[in-house]
Amino acid sequence: MAIVERLSDGGDYRYRLFGMRLVETIGRDLTGKTLGAWPDEEAVVLRRQTEQVLSSSLPLTIRVVLPVLRYPNSEEWQTVRFEQVLWPVSYRGNKPDAVLKLIERMDGPQDRVSSEDHVCVVP
């Protein structure tokens, strides 16, 4: 689970929470970091998804292939398929200002990418 919130200047989004299970899966803790902590291509896609959920105030379900560290504290990367459900959340009133993300690793062959997946390049 992760919570992404809009920064007060409106320029970017920050991980308010990046759950321990995600830390173990991805190999790094992004709590307190902006979406810019991802490779450029992925950061653009994550911002677009976040903006879509916040502007529509509707949930979004997507599949994504992300670069993750093969082992904690290593420099060896692999790609892993995830399914995400994003919900708009409001901390400061009626208009959503954060997104709650439930992210689950999908098991199965990673070499077959479907047209429904967003593929991100390993940095």
PDB file of N, CA and C in Angstrom:
ATOM      1  N   MET A   1       0.841  -1.173   0.000  1.00  0.00           N
ATOM      2  CA  MET A   1       0.000   0.000   0.000  1.00  0.00           C
ATOM      3  C   MET A   1       0.887   1.237   0.000  1.00  0.00           C
ATOM      4  N   ALA A   2       0.413   2.263  -0.681  1.00  0.00           N
ATOM      5  CA  ALA A   2       1.109   3.545  -0.707  1.00  0.00           C
ATOM      6  C   ALA A   2       0.073   4.661  -0.710  1.00  0.00           C
ATOM      7  N   ILE A   3       0.470   5.805  -0.176  1.00  0.00           N
ATOM      8  CA  ILE A   3      -0.352   7.016  -0.256  1.00  0.00           C
ATOM      9  C   ILE A   3       0.512   8.087  -0.904  1.00  0.00           C
ATOM     10  N   VAL A   4       0.003   8.660  -1.995  1.00  0.00           N
ATOM     11  CA  VAL A   4       0.690   9.723  -2.712  1.00  0.00           C
ATOM     12  C   VAL A   4      -0.118  10.996  -2.514  1.00  0.00           C
ATOM     13  N   GLU A   5       0.540  12.065  -2.035  1.00  0.00           N
ATOM     14  CA  GLU A   5      -0.178  13.317  -1.804  1.00  0.00           C
ATOM     15  C   GLU A   5       0.392  14.438  -2.657  1.00  0.00           C
ATOM     16  N   ARG A   6      -0.492  15.352  -3.027  1.00  0.00           N
ATOM     17  CA  ARG A   6      -0.095  16.528  -3.808  1.00  0.00           C
ATOM     18  C   ARG A   6       0.682  17.478  -2.899  1.00  0.00           C
ATOM     19  N   LEU A   7       1.813  17.966  -3.380  1.00  0.00           N
ATOM     20  CA  LEU A   7       2.570  18.957  -2.614  1.00  0.00           C
ATOM     21  C   LEU A   7       1.826  20.286  -2.638  1.00  0.00           C
ATOM     22  N   SER A   8       2.035  21.097  -1.614  1.00  0.00           N
ATOM     23  CA  SER A   8       1.281  22.342  -1.489  1.00  0.00           C
ATOM     24  C   SER A   8       1.528  23.302  -2.647  1.00  0.00           C
ATOM     25  N   ASP A   9       2.713  23.231  -3.285  1.00  0.00           N
ATOM     26  CA  ASP A   9       2.969  24.113  -4.427  1.00  0.00           C
ATOM     27  C   ASP A   9       2.330  23.590  -5.710  1.00  0.00           C
ATOM     28  N   GLY A  10       1.759  22.362  -5.654  1.00  0.00           N
ATOM     29  CA  GLY A  10       1.064  21.784  -6.795  1.00  0.00           C
ATOM     30  C   GLY A  10       1.968  21.262  -7.895  1.00  0.00           C
ATOM     31  N   GLY A  11       3.286  21.325  -7.708  1.00  0.00           N
ATOM     32  CA  GLY A  11       4.212  20.935  -8.757  1.00  0.00           C
ATOM     33  C   GLY A  11       4.508  19.456  -8.852  1.00  0.00           C
ATOM     34  N   ASP A  12       4.371  18.737  -7.768  1.00  0.00           N
ATOM     35  CA  ASP A  12       4.690  17.312  -7.797  1.00  0.00           C
ATOM     36  C   ASP A  12       3.899  16.610  -6.705  1.00  0.00           C
ATOM     37  N   TYR A  13       4.158  15.329  -6.560  1.00  0.00           N
ATOM     38  CA  TYR A  13       3.478  14.490  -5.579  1.00  0.00           C
ATOM     39  C   TYR A  13       4.533  13.767  -4.755  1.00  0.00           C
ATOM     40  N   ARG A  14       4.203  13.515  -3.495  1.00  0.00           N
ATOM     41  CA  ARG A  14       5.134  12.864  -2.575  1.00  0.00           C
ATOM     42  C   ARG A  14       4.469  11.631  -1.969  1.00  0.00           C
ATOM     43  N   TYR A  15       5.302  10.603  -1.737  1.00  0.00           N
ATOM     44  CA  TYR A  15       4.811   9.424  -1.031  1.00  0.00           C
ATOM     45  C   TYR A  15       4.693   9.748   0.448  1.00  0.00           C
ATOM     46  N   ARG A  16       3.489   9.881   0.918  1.00  0.00           N
ATOM     47  CA  ARG A  16       3.238  10.081   2.340  1.00  0.00           C
ATOM     48  C   ARG A  16       3.517   8.775   3.086  1.00  0.00           C
ATOM     49  N   LEU A  17       3.214   7.659   2.413  1.00  0.00           N
ATOM     50  CA  LEU A  17       3.445   6.323   2.959  1.00  0.00           C
ATOM     51  C   LEU A  17       3.859   5.407   1.820  1.00  0.00           C
ATOM     52  N   PHE A  18       4.883   4.621   2.036  1.00  0.00           N
ATOM     53  CA  PHE A  18       5.300   3.580   1.094  1.00  0.00           C
ATOM     54  C   PHE A  18       5.464   2.338   1.946  1.00  0.00           C
ATOM     55  N   GLY A  19       4.450   1.464   1.932  1.00  0.00           N
ATOM     56  CA  GLY A  19       4.363   0.337   2.857  1.00  0.00           C
ATOM     57  C   GLY A  19       5.559  -0.608   2.827  1.00  0.00           C
ATOM     58  N   MET A  20       5.787  -1.267   3.959  1.00  0.00           N
ATOM     59  CA  MET A  20       6.944  -2.165   4.107  1.00  0.00           C
ATOM     60  C   MET A  20       6.921  -3.308   3.095  1.00  0.00           C
ATOM     61  N   ARG A  21       5.754  -3.796   2.753  1.00  0.00           N
ATOM     62  CA  ARG A  21       5.689  -4.874   1.755  1.00  0.00           C
ATOM     63  C   ARG A  21       6.183  -4.379   0.398  1.00  0.00           C
ATOM     64  N   LEU A  22       5.852  -3.125   0.060  1.00  0.00           N
ATOM     65  CA  LEU A  22       6.368  -2.537  -1.174  1.00  0.00           C
ATOM     66  C   LEU A  22       7.876  -2.339  -1.093  1.00  0.00           C
ATOM     67  N   VAL A  23       8.354  -1.904   0.061  1.00  0.00           N
ATOM     68  CA  VAL A  23       9.799  -1.725   0.254  1.00  0.00           C
ATOM     69  C   VAL A  23      10.505  -3.052  -0.001  1.00  0.00           C
ATOM     70  N   GLU A  24       9.962  -4.127   0.549  1.00  0.00           N
ATOM     71  CA  GLU A  24      10.571  -5.450   0.355  1.00  0.00           C
ATOM     72  C   GLU A  24      10.510  -5.890  -1.101  1.00  0.00           C
ATOM     73  N   THR A  25       9.407  -5.605  -1.772  1.00  0.00           N
ATOM     74  CA  THR A  25       9.235  -6.027  -3.166  1.00  0.00           C
ATOM     75  C   THR A  25      10.089  -5.203  -4.114  1.00  0.00           C
ATOM     76  N   ILE A  26      10.099  -3.895  -3.929  1.00  0.00           N
ATOM     77  CA  ILE A  26      10.775  -3.005  -4.863  1.00  0.00           C
ATOM     78  C   ILE A  26      12.248  -2.815  -4.508  1.00  0.00           C
ATOM     79  N   GLY A  27      12.577  -2.981  -3.222  1.00  0.00           N
ATOM     80  CA  GLY A  27      13.977  -2.896  -2.828  1.00  0.00           C
ATOM     81  C   GLY A  27      14.418  -1.530  -2.358  1.00  0.00           C
ATOM     82  N   ARG A  28      13.467  -0.605  -2.171  1.00  0.00           N
ATOM     83  CA  ARG A  28      13.808   0.721  -1.643  1.00  0.00           C
ATOM     84  C   ARG A  28      12.575   1.362  -1.026  1.00  0.00           C
ATOM     85  N   ASP A  29      12.811   2.233  -0.061  1.00  0.00           N
ATOM     86  CA  ASP A  29      11.721   2.923   0.639  1.00  0.00           C
ATOM     87  C   ASP A  29      11.574   4.314   0.038  1.00  0.00           C
ATOM     88  N   LEU A  30      10.402   4.606  -0.503  1.00  0.00           N
ATOM     89  CA  LEU A  30      10.163   5.902  -1.131  1.00  0.00           C
ATOM     90  C   LEU A  30       9.340   6.843  -0.248  1.00  0.00           C
ATOM     91  N   THR A  31       9.096   6.471   1.019  1.00  0.00           N
ATOM     92  CA  THR A  31       8.363   7.346   1.922  1.00  0.00           C
ATOM     93  C   THR A  31       9.073   8.697   2.007  1.00  0.00           C
ATOM     94  N   GLY A  32       8.307   9.781   1.795  1.00  0.00           N
ATOM     95  CA  GLY A  32       8.873  11.126   1.843  1.00  0.00           C
ATOM     96  C   GLY A  32       9.496  11.590   0.541  1.00  0.00           C
ATOM     97  N   LYS A  33       9.620  10.708  -0.427  1.00  0.00           N
ATOM     98  CA  LYS A  33      10.225  11.064  -1.719  1.00  0.00           C
ATOM     99  C   LYS A  33       9.125  11.429  -2.716  1.00  0.00           C
ATOM    100  N   THR A  34       9.484  12.226  -3.715  1.00  0.00           N
ATOM    101  CA  THR A  34       8.523  12.595  -4.749  1.00  0.00           C
ATOM    102  C   THR A  34       8.501  11.516  -5.830  1.00  0.00           C
ATOM    103  N   LEU A  35       7.544  11.639  -6.736  1.00  0.00           N
ATOM    104  CA  LEU A  35       7.468  10.698  -7.848  1.00  0.00           C
ATOM    105  C   LEU A  35       8.706  10.795  -8.737  1.00  0.00           C
ATOM    106  N   GLY A  36       9.446  11.881  -8.610  1.00  0.00           N
ATOM    107  CA  GLY A  36      10.695  12.042  -9.337  1.00  0.00           C
ATOM    108  C   GLY A  36      11.777  11.059  -8.916  1.00  0.00           C
ATOM    109  N   ALA A  37      11.543  10.278  -7.860  1.00  0.00           N
ATOM    110  CA  ALA A  37      12.505   9.249  -7.435  1.00  0.00           C
ATOM    111  C   ALA A  37      12.531   8.083  -8.422  1.00  0.00           C
ATOM    112  N   TRP A  38      11.493   7.983  -9.270  1.00  0.00           N
ATOM    113  CA  TRP A  38      11.434   6.941 -10.298  1.00  0.00           C
ATOM    114  C   TRP A  38      12.189   7.404 -11.534  1.00  0.00           C
ATOM    115  N   PRO A  39      12.556   6.474 -12.413  1.00  0.00           N
ATOM    116  CA  PRO A  39      13.120   6.885 -13.709  1.00  0.00           C
ATOM    117  C   PRO A  39      12.145   7.835 -14.408  1.00  0.00           C
ATOM    118  N   ASP A  40      12.664   8.727 -15.252  1.00  0.00           N
ATOM    119  CA  ASP A  40      11.850   9.781 -15.870  1.00  0.00           C
ATOM    120  C   ASP A  40      10.570   9.267 -16.518  1.00  0.00           C
ATOM    121  N   GLU A  41      10.663   8.210 -17.317  1.00  0.00           N
ATOM    122  CA  GLU A  41       9.482   7.691 -18.018  1.00  0.00           C
ATOM    123  C   GLU A  41       8.409   7.251 -17.032  1.00  0.00           C
ATOM    124  N   GLU A  42       8.824   6.552 -15.981  1.00  0.00           N
ATOM    125  CA  GLU A  42       7.861   6.068 -14.990  1.00  0.00           C
ATOM    126  C   GLU A  42       7.268   7.231 -14.199  1.00  0.00           C
ATOM    127  N   ALA A  43       8.079   8.218 -13.848  1.00  0.00           N
ATOM    128  CA  ALA A  43       7.585   9.374 -13.092  1.00  0.00           C
ATOM    129  C   ALA A  43       6.492  10.099 -13.864  1.00  0.00           C
ATOM    130  N   VAL A  44       6.665  10.242 -15.171  1.00  0.00           N
ATOM    131  CA  VAL A  44       5.655  10.901 -16.005  1.00  0.00           C
ATOM    132  C   VAL A  44       4.342  10.117 -15.959  1.00  0.00           C
ATOM    133  N   VAL A  45       4.424   8.801 -16.104  1.00  0.00           N
ATOM    134  CA  VAL A  45       3.228   7.948 -16.094  1.00  0.00           C
ATOM    135  C   VAL A  45       2.553   8.000 -14.724  1.00  0.00           C
ATOM    136  N   LEU A  46       3.328   7.914 -13.653  1.00  0.00           N
ATOM    137  CA  LEU A  46       2.751   7.953 -12.300  1.00  0.00           C
ATOM    138  C   LEU A  46       2.071   9.288 -12.026  1.00  0.00           C
ATOM    139  N   ARG A  47       2.676  10.385 -12.481  1.00  0.00           N
ATOM    140  CA  ARG A  47       2.033  11.698 -12.315  1.00  0.00           C
ATOM    141  C   ARG A  47       0.711  11.751 -13.080  1.00  0.00           C
ATOM    142  N   ARG A  48       0.724  11.233 -14.308  1.00  0.00           N
ATOM    143  CA  ARG A  48      -0.491  11.243 -15.133  1.00  0.00           C
ATOM    144  C   ARG A  48      -1.599  10.434 -14.468  1.00  0.00           C
ATOM    145  N   GLN A  49      -1.270   9.252 -13.940  1.00  0.00           N
ATOM    146  CA  GLN A  49      -2.275   8.415 -13.267  1.00  0.00           C
ATOM    147  C   GLN A  49      -2.815   9.121 -12.030  1.00  0.00           C
ATOM    148  N   THR A  50      -1.904   9.721 -11.253  1.00  0.00           N
ATOM    149  CA  THR A  50      -2.307  10.423 -10.030  1.00  0.00           C
ATOM    150  C   THR A  50      -3.219  11.594 -10.370  1.00  0.00           C
ATOM    151  N   GLU A  51      -2.839  12.372 -11.375  1.00  0.00           N
ATOM    152  CA  GLU A  51      -3.661  13.508 -11.788  1.00  0.00           C
ATOM    153  C   GLU A  51      -5.028  13.056 -12.301  1.00  0.00           C
ATOM    154  N   GLN A  52      -5.073  11.932 -13.020  1.00  0.00           N
ATOM    155  CA  GLN A  52      -6.346  11.415 -13.526  1.00  0.00           C
ATOM    156  C   GLN A  52      -7.281  11.069 -12.368  1.00  0.00           C
ATOM    157  N   VAL A  53      -6.770  10.394 -11.351  1.00  0.00           N
ATOM    158  CA  VAL A  53      -7.595  10.001 -10.207  1.00  0.00           C
ATOM    159  C   VAL A  53      -8.052  11.238  -9.436  1.00  0.00           C
ATOM    160  N   LEU A  54      -7.153  12.198  -9.224  1.00  0.00           N
ATOM    161  CA  LEU A  54      -7.512  13.395  -8.462  1.00  0.00           C
ATOM    162  C   LEU A  54      -8.502  14.273  -9.218  1.00  0.00           C
ATOM    163  N   SER A  55      -8.314  14.430 -10.524  1.00  0.00           N
ATOM    164  CA  SER A  55      -9.216  15.311 -11.276  1.00  0.00           C
ATOM    165  C   SER A  55     -10.593  14.690 -11.501  1.00  0.00           C
ATOM    166  N   SER A  56     -10.641  13.373 -11.649  1.00  0.00           N
ATOM    167  CA  SER A  56     -11.935  12.712 -11.886  1.00  0.00           C
ATOM    168  C   SER A  56     -12.650  12.328 -10.592  1.00  0.00           C
ATOM    169  N   SER A  57     -11.890  12.250  -9.484  1.00  0.00           N
ATOM    170  CA  SER A  57     -12.415  11.766  -8.199  1.00  0.00           C
ATOM    171  C   SER A  57     -12.958  10.348  -8.310  1.00  0.00           C
ATOM    172  N   LEU A  58     -12.410   9.577  -9.259  1.00  0.00           N
ATOM    173  CA  LEU A  58     -12.839   8.197  -9.476  1.00  0.00           C
ATOM    174  C   LEU A  58     -11.650   7.248  -9.318  1.00  0.00           C
ATOM    175  N   PRO A  59     -11.903   6.015  -8.866  1.00  0.00           N
ATOM    176  CA  PRO A  59     -10.829   5.026  -8.769  1.00  0.00           C
ATOM    177  C   PRO A  59     -10.317   4.619 -10.148  1.00  0.00           C
ATOM    178  N   LEU A  60      -9.127   4.049 -10.171  1.00  0.00           N
ATOM    179  CA  LEU A  60      -8.500   3.603 -11.406  1.00  0.00           C
ATOM    180  C   LEU A  60      -7.811   2.270 -11.133  1.00  0.00           C
ATOM    181  N   THR A  61      -7.960   1.322 -12.049  1.00  0.00           N
ATOM    182  CA  THR A  61      -7.264   0.037 -11.955  1.00  0.00           C
ATOM    183  C   THR A  61      -6.356  -0.082 -13.171  1.00  0.00           C
ATOM    184  N   ILE A  62      -5.075  -0.401 -12.929  1.00  0.00           N
ATOM    185  CA  ILE A  62      -4.123  -0.531 -14.029  1.00  0.00           C
ATOM    186  C   ILE A  62      -3.158  -1.670 -13.753  1.00  0.00           C
ATOM    187  N   ARG A  63      -2.539  -2.141 -14.821  1.00  0.00           N
ATOM    188  CA  ARG A  63      -1.424  -3.086 -14.710  1.00  0.00           C
ATOM    189  C   ARG A  63      -0.178  -2.375 -15.188  1.00  0.00           C
ATOM    190  N   VAL A  64       0.915  -2.610 -14.512  1.00  0.00           N
ATOM    191  CA  VAL A  64       2.159  -1.924 -14.843  1.00  0.00           C
ATOM    192  C   VAL A  64       3.334  -2.877 -14.654  1.00  0.00           C
ATOM    193  N   VAL A  65       4.353  -2.716 -15.482  1.00  0.00           N
ATOM    194  CA  VAL A  65       5.588  -3.468 -15.338  1.00  0.00           C
ATOM    195  C   VAL A  65       6.637  -2.471 -14.867  1.00  0.00           C
ATOM    196  N   LEU A  66       7.179  -2.704 -13.651  1.00  0.00           N
ATOM    197  CA  LEU A  66       8.098  -1.749 -13.021  1.00  0.00           C
ATOM    198  C   LEU A  66       9.493  -2.342 -12.849  1.00  0.00           C
ATOM    199  N   PRO A  67      10.503  -1.476 -12.878  1.00  0.00           N
ATOM    200  CA  PRO A  67      11.845  -1.938 -12.536  1.00  0.00           C
ATOM    201  C   PRO A  67      11.975  -2.045 -11.020  1.00  0.00           C
ATOM    202  N   VAL A  68      12.469  -3.172 -10.552  1.00  0.00           N
ATOM    203  CA  VAL A  68      12.702  -3.358  -9.113  1.00  0.00           C
ATOM    204  C   VAL A  68      14.096  -3.941  -8.935  1.00  0.00           C
ATOM    205  N   LEU A  69      14.666  -3.710  -7.766  1.00  0.00           N
ATOM    206  CA  LEU A  69      15.971  -4.295  -7.466  1.00  0.00           C
ATOM    207  C   LEU A  69      15.815  -5.795  -7.275  1.00  0.00           C
ATOM    208  N   ARG A  70      16.715  -6.564  -7.878  1.00  0.00           N
ATOM    209  CA  ARG A  70      16.652  -8.021  -7.745  1.00  0.00           C
ATOM    210  C   ARG A  70      16.893  -8.444  -6.300  1.00  0.00           C
ATOM    211  N   TYR A  71      17.831  -7.771  -5.630  1.00  0.00           N
ATOM    212  CA  TYR A  71      18.145  -8.044  -4.225  1.00  0.00           C
ATOM    213  C   TYR A  71      18.260  -6.700  -3.513  1.00  0.00           C
ATOM    214  N   PRO A  72      17.870  -6.617  -2.242  1.00  0.00           N
ATOM    215  CA  PRO A  72      18.013  -5.357  -1.506  1.00  0.00           C
ATOM    216  C   PRO A  72      19.462  -4.871  -1.550  1.00  0.00           C
ATOM    217  N   ASN A  73      19.625  -3.568  -1.700  1.00  0.00           N
ATOM    218  CA  ASN A  73      20.941  -2.909  -1.723  1.00  0.00           C
ATOM    219  C   ASN A  73      21.828  -3.374  -2.872  1.00  0.00           C
ATOM    220  N   SER A  74      21.227  -3.916  -3.930  1.00  0.00           N
ATOM    221  CA  SER A  74      22.022  -4.321  -5.088  1.00  0.00           C
ATOM    222  C   SER A  74      21.827  -3.298  -6.195  1.00  0.00           C
ATOM    223  N   GLU A  75      22.575  -3.442  -7.246  1.00  0.00           N
ATOM    224  CA  GLU A  75      22.404  -2.601  -8.425  1.00  0.00           C
ATOM    225  C   GLU A  75      21.828  -3.413  -9.581  1.00  0.00           C
ATOM    226  N   GLU A  76      21.406  -4.648  -9.305  1.00  0.00           N
ATOM    227  CA  GLU A  76      20.866  -5.532 -10.336  1.00  0.00           C
ATOM    228  C   GLU A  76      19.349  -5.366 -10.388  1.00  0.00           C
ATOM    229  N   TRP A  77      18.826  -5.040 -11.585  1.00  0.00           N
ATOM    230  CA  TRP A  77      17.413  -4.755 -11.757  1.00  0.00           C
ATOM    231  C   TRP A  77      16.704  -5.884 -12.486  1.00  0.00           C
ATOM    232  N   GLN A  78      15.413  -6.001 -12.241  1.00  0.00           N
ATOM    233  CA  GLN A  78      14.542  -6.906 -12.968  1.00  0.00           C
ATOM    234  C   GLN A  78      13.203  -6.200 -13.149  1.00  0.00           C
ATOM    235  N   THR A  79      12.404  -6.677 -14.073  1.00  0.00           N
ATOM    236  CA  THR A  79      11.072  -6.097 -14.238  1.00  0.00           C
ATOM    237  C   THR A  79      10.048  -7.044 -13.638  1.00  0.00           C
ATOM    238  N   VAL A  80       9.051  -6.459 -12.991  1.00  0.00           N
ATOM    239  CA  VAL A  80       8.010  -7.222 -12.308  1.00  0.00           C
ATOM    240  C   VAL A  80       6.663  -6.609 -12.672  1.00  0.00           C
ATOM    241  N   ARG A  81       5.678  -7.451 -12.899  1.00  0.00           N
ATOM    242  CA  ARG A  81       4.332  -6.984 -13.228  1.00  0.00           C
ATOM    243  C   ARG A  81       3.519  -6.795 -11.942  1.00  0.00           C
ATOM    244  N   PHE A  82       2.820  -5.666 -11.873  1.00  0.00           N
ATOM    245  CA  PHE A  82       1.969  -5.330 -10.727  1.00  0.00           C
ATOM    246  C   PHE A  82       0.587  -4.940 -11.221  1.00  0.00           C
ATOM    247  N   GLU A  83      -0.400  -5.170 -10.373  1.00  0.00           N
ATOM    248  CA  GLU A  83      -1.734  -4.621 -10.594  1.00  0.00           C
ATOM    249  C   GLU A  83      -1.962  -3.599  -9.498  1.00  0.00           C
ATOM    250  N   GLN A  84      -2.521  -2.449  -9.886  1.00  0.00           N
ATOM    251  CA  GLN A  84      -2.734  -1.367  -8.925  1.00  0.00           C
ATOM    252  C   GLN A  84      -4.188  -0.913  -8.962  1.00  0.00           C
ATOM    253  N   VAL A  85      -4.704  -0.592  -7.789  1.00  0.00           N
ATOM    254  CA  VAL A  85      -5.998   0.063  -7.680  1.00  0.00           C
ATOM    255  C   VAL A  85      -5.741   1.367  -6.953  1.00  0.00           C
ATOM    256  N   LEU A  86      -6.161   2.478  -7.552  1.00  0.00           N
ATOM    257  CA  LEU A  86      -5.922   3.810  -7.004  1.00  0.00           C
ATOM    258  C   LEU A  86      -7.253   4.444  -6.634  1.00  0.00           C
ATOM    259  N   TRP A  87      -7.339   4.969  -5.411  1.00  0.00           N
ATOM    260  CA  TRP A  87      -8.554   5.640  -4.928  1.00  0.00           C
ATOM    261  C   TRP A  87      -8.220   7.072  -4.534  1.00  0.00           C
ATOM    262  N   PRO A  88      -9.089   8.025  -4.877  1.00  0.00           N
ATOM    263  CA  PRO A  88      -8.898   9.399  -4.422  1.00  0.00           C
ATOM    264  C   PRO A  88      -9.208   9.523  -2.929  1.00  0.00           C
ATOM    265  N   VAL A  89      -8.418  10.346  -2.245  1.00  0.00           N
ATOM    266  CA  VAL A  89      -8.587  10.560  -0.803  1.00  0.00           C
ATOM    267  C   VAL A  89      -8.504  12.062  -0.543  1.00  0.00           C
ATOM    268  N   SER A  90      -9.298  12.544   0.412  1.00  0.00           N
ATOM    269  CA  SER A  90      -9.256  13.956   0.768  1.00  0.00           C
ATOM    270  C   SER A  90      -8.865  14.116   2.229  1.00  0.00           C
ATOM    271  N   TYR A  91      -7.802  14.878   2.479  1.00  0.00           N
ATOM    272  CA  TYR A  91      -7.362  15.187   3.844  1.00  0.00           C
ATOM    273  C   TYR A  91      -7.789  16.584   4.265  1.00  0.00           C
ATOM    274  N   ARG A  92      -8.037  17.463   3.289  1.00  0.00           N
ATOM    275  CA  ARG A  92      -8.257  18.872   3.596  1.00  0.00           C
ATOM    276  C   ARG A  92      -9.599  19.419   3.119  1.00  0.00           C
ATOM    277  N   GLY A  93     -10.585  18.592   2.926  1.00  0.00           N
ATOM    278  CA  GLY A  93     -11.873  19.095   2.458  1.00  0.00           C
ATOM    279  C   GLY A  93     -12.547  18.113   1.522  1.00  0.00           C
ATOM    280  N   ASN A  94     -13.374  18.640   0.632  1.00  0.00           N
ATOM    281  CA  ASN A  94     -14.151  17.789  -0.261  1.00  0.00           C
ATOM    282  C   ASN A  94     -13.389  17.362  -1.508  1.00  0.00           C
ATOM    283  N   LYS A  95     -12.420  18.156  -1.936  1.00  0.00           N
ATOM    284  CA  LYS A  95     -11.672  17.854  -3.155  1.00  0.00           C
ATOM    285  C   LYS A  95     -10.504  16.928  -2.835  1.00  0.00           C
ATOM    286  N   PRO A  96     -10.334  15.824  -3.592  1.00  0.00           N
ATOM    287  CA  PRO A  96      -9.229  14.895  -3.310  1.00  0.00           C
ATOM    288  C   PRO A  96      -7.872  15.570  -3.455  1.00  0.00           C
ATOM    289  N   ASP A  97      -6.961  15.257  -2.529  1.00  0.00           N
ATOM    290  CA  ASP A  97      -5.609  15.798  -2.583  1.00  0.00           C
ATOM    291  C   ASP A  97      -4.555  14.706  -2.394  1.00  0.00           C
ATOM    292  N   ALA A  98      -5.006  13.451  -2.370  1.00  0.00           N
ATOM    293  CA  ALA A  98      -4.087  12.321  -2.227  1.00  0.00           C
ATOM    294  C   ALA A  98      -4.709  11.101  -2.909  1.00  0.00           C
ATOM    295  N   VAL A  99      -3.844  10.110  -3.166  1.00  0.00           N
ATOM    296  CA  VAL A  99      -4.297   8.868  -3.788  1.00  0.00           C
ATOM    297  C   VAL A  99      -3.806   7.702  -2.943  1.00  0.00           C
ATOM    298  N   LEU A 100      -4.734   6.833  -2.580  1.00  0.00           N
ATOM    299  CA  LEU A 100      -4.407   5.597  -1.881  1.00  0.00           C
ATOM    300  C   LEU A 100      -4.208   4.529  -2.947  1.00  0.00           C
ATOM    301  N   LYS A 101      -3.047   3.854  -2.905  1.00  0.00           N
ATOM    302  CA  LYS A 101      -2.732   2.830  -3.908  1.00  0.00           C
ATOM    303  C   LYS A 101      -2.587   1.479  -3.234  1.00  0.00           C
ATOM    304  N   LEU A 102      -3.348   0.517  -3.715  1.00  0.00           N
ATOM    305  CA  LEU A 102      -3.122  -0.872  -3.344  1.00  0.00           C
ATOM    306  C   LEU A 102      -2.400  -1.499  -4.519  1.00  0.00           C
ATOM    307  N   ILE A 103      -1.246  -2.072  -4.249  1.00  0.00           N
ATOM    308  CA  ILE A 103      -0.369  -2.571  -5.305  1.00  0.00           C
ATOM    309  C   ILE A 103      -0.039  -4.023  -5.005  1.00  0.00           C
ATOM    310  N   GLU A 104      -0.332  -4.888  -5.954  1.00  0.00           N
ATOM    311  CA  GLU A 104      -0.105  -6.318  -5.761  1.00  0.00           C
ATOM    312  C   GLU A 104       0.754  -6.861  -6.892  1.00  0.00           C
ATOM    313  N   ARG A 105       1.782  -7.595  -6.518  1.00  0.00           N
ATOM    314  CA  ARG A 105       2.635  -8.236  -7.512  1.00  0.00           C
ATOM    315  C   ARG A 105       1.847  -9.353  -8.185  1.00  0.00           C
ATOM    316  N   MET A 106       1.932  -9.421  -9.502  1.00  0.00           N
ATOM    317  CA  MET A 106       1.242 -10.460 -10.260  1.00  0.00           C
ATOM    318  C   MET A 106       2.249 -11.554 -10.579  1.00  0.00           C
ATOM    319  N   ASP A 107       1.901 -12.781 -10.276  1.00  0.00           N
ATOM    320  CA  ASP A 107       2.772 -13.896 -10.600  1.00  0.00           C
ATOM    321  C   ASP A 107       2.549 -14.306 -12.044  1.00  0.00           C
ATOM    322  N   GLY A 108       3.558 -14.928 -12.627  1.00  0.00           N
ATOM    323  CA  GLY A 108       3.445 -15.400 -13.998  1.00  0.00           C
ATOM    324  C   GLY A 108       4.630 -14.941 -14.811  1.00  0.00           C
ATOM    325  N   PRO A 109       4.687 -15.393 -16.044  1.00  0.00           N
ATOM    326  CA  PRO A 109       5.825 -15.058 -16.894  1.00  0.00           C
ATOM    327  C   PRO A 109       5.910 -13.556 -17.155  1.00  0.00           C
ATOM    328  N   GLN A 110       7.075 -12.991 -16.935  1.00  0.00           N
ATOM    329  CA  GLN A 110       7.266 -11.556 -17.117  1.00  0.00           C
ATOM    330  C   GLN A 110       7.658 -11.211 -18.550  1.00  0.00           C
ATOM    331  N   ASP A 111       7.982 -12.231 -19.371  1.00  0.00           N
ATOM    332  CA  ASP A 111       8.434 -11.936 -20.718  1.00  0.00           C
ATOM    333  C   ASP A 111       7.271 -11.689 -21.678  1.00  0.00           C
ATOM    334  N   ARG A 112       6.051 -12.029 -21.278  1.00  0.00           N
ATOM    335  CA  ARG A 112       4.885 -11.759 -22.125  1.00  0.00           C
ATOM    336  C   ARG A 112       4.167 -10.543 -21.571  1.00  0.00           C
ATOM    337  N   VAL A 113       4.281  -9.450 -22.266  1.00  0.00           N
ATOM    338  CA  VAL A 113       3.662  -8.208 -21.836  1.00  0.00           C
ATOM    339  C   VAL A 113       2.412  -7.998 -22.671  1.00  0.00           C
ATOM    340  N   SER A 114       1.306  -7.749 -22.003  1.00  0.00           N
ATOM    341  CA  SER A 114       0.057  -7.546 -22.739  1.00  0.00           C
ATOM    342  C   SER A 114      -0.086  -6.080 -23.129  1.00  0.00           C
ATOM    343  N   SER A 115      -1.006  -5.816 -24.033  1.00  0.00           N
ATOM    344  CA  SER A 115      -1.247  -4.439 -24.472  1.00  0.00           C
ATOM    345  C   SER A 115      -1.849  -3.600 -23.352  1.00  0.00           C
ATOM    346  N   GLU A 116      -2.328  -4.234 -22.274  1.00  0.00           N
ATOM    347  CA  GLU A 116      -2.904  -3.497 -21.150  1.00  0.00           C
ATOM    348  C   GLU A 116      -1.843  -3.076 -20.130  1.00  0.00           C
ATOM    349  N   ASP A 117      -0.612  -3.548 -20.295  1.00  0.00           N
ATOM    350  CA  ASP A 117       0.457  -3.208 -19.366  1.00  0.00           C
ATOM    351  C   ASP A 117       1.148  -1.936 -19.803  1.00  0.00           C
ATOM    352  N   HIS A 118       1.543  -1.124 -18.830  1.00  0.00           N
ATOM    353  CA  HIS A 118       2.436  -0.014 -19.092  1.00  0.00           C
ATOM    354  C   HIS A 118       3.835  -0.519 -18.742  1.00  0.00           C
ATOM    355  N   VAL A 119       4.738  -0.475 -19.690  1.00  0.00           N
ATOM    356  CA  VAL A 119       6.082  -1.002 -19.474  1.00  0.00           C
ATOM    357  C   VAL A 119       7.039   0.145 -19.210  1.00  0.00           C
ATOM    358  N   CYS A 120       7.836  -0.004 -18.164  1.00  0.00           N
ATOM    359  CA  CYS A 120       8.838   0.995 -17.818  1.00  0.00           C
ATOM    360  C   CYS A 120      10.221   0.407 -17.991  1.00  0.00           C
ATOM    361  N   VAL A 121      11.112   1.216 -18.487  1.00  0.00           N
ATOM    362  CA  VAL A 121      12.470   0.726 -18.722  1.00  0.00           C
ATOM    363  C   VAL A 121      13.261   0.677 -17.439  1.00  0.00           C
ATOM    364  N   VAL A 122      14.097  -0.326 -17.315  1.00  0.00           N
ATOM    365  CA  VAL A 122      14.973  -0.435 -16.149  1.00  0.00           C
ATOM    366  C   VAL A 122      16.043   0.630 -16.285  1.00  0.00           C
ATOM    367  N   PRO A 123      16.278   1.434 -15.243  1.00  0.00           N
ATOM    368  CA  PRO A 123      17.255   2.521 -15.346  1.00  0.00           C
ATOM    369  C   PRO A 123      18.677   2.011 -15.520  1.00  0.00           C
TER     370      PRO A 123
END
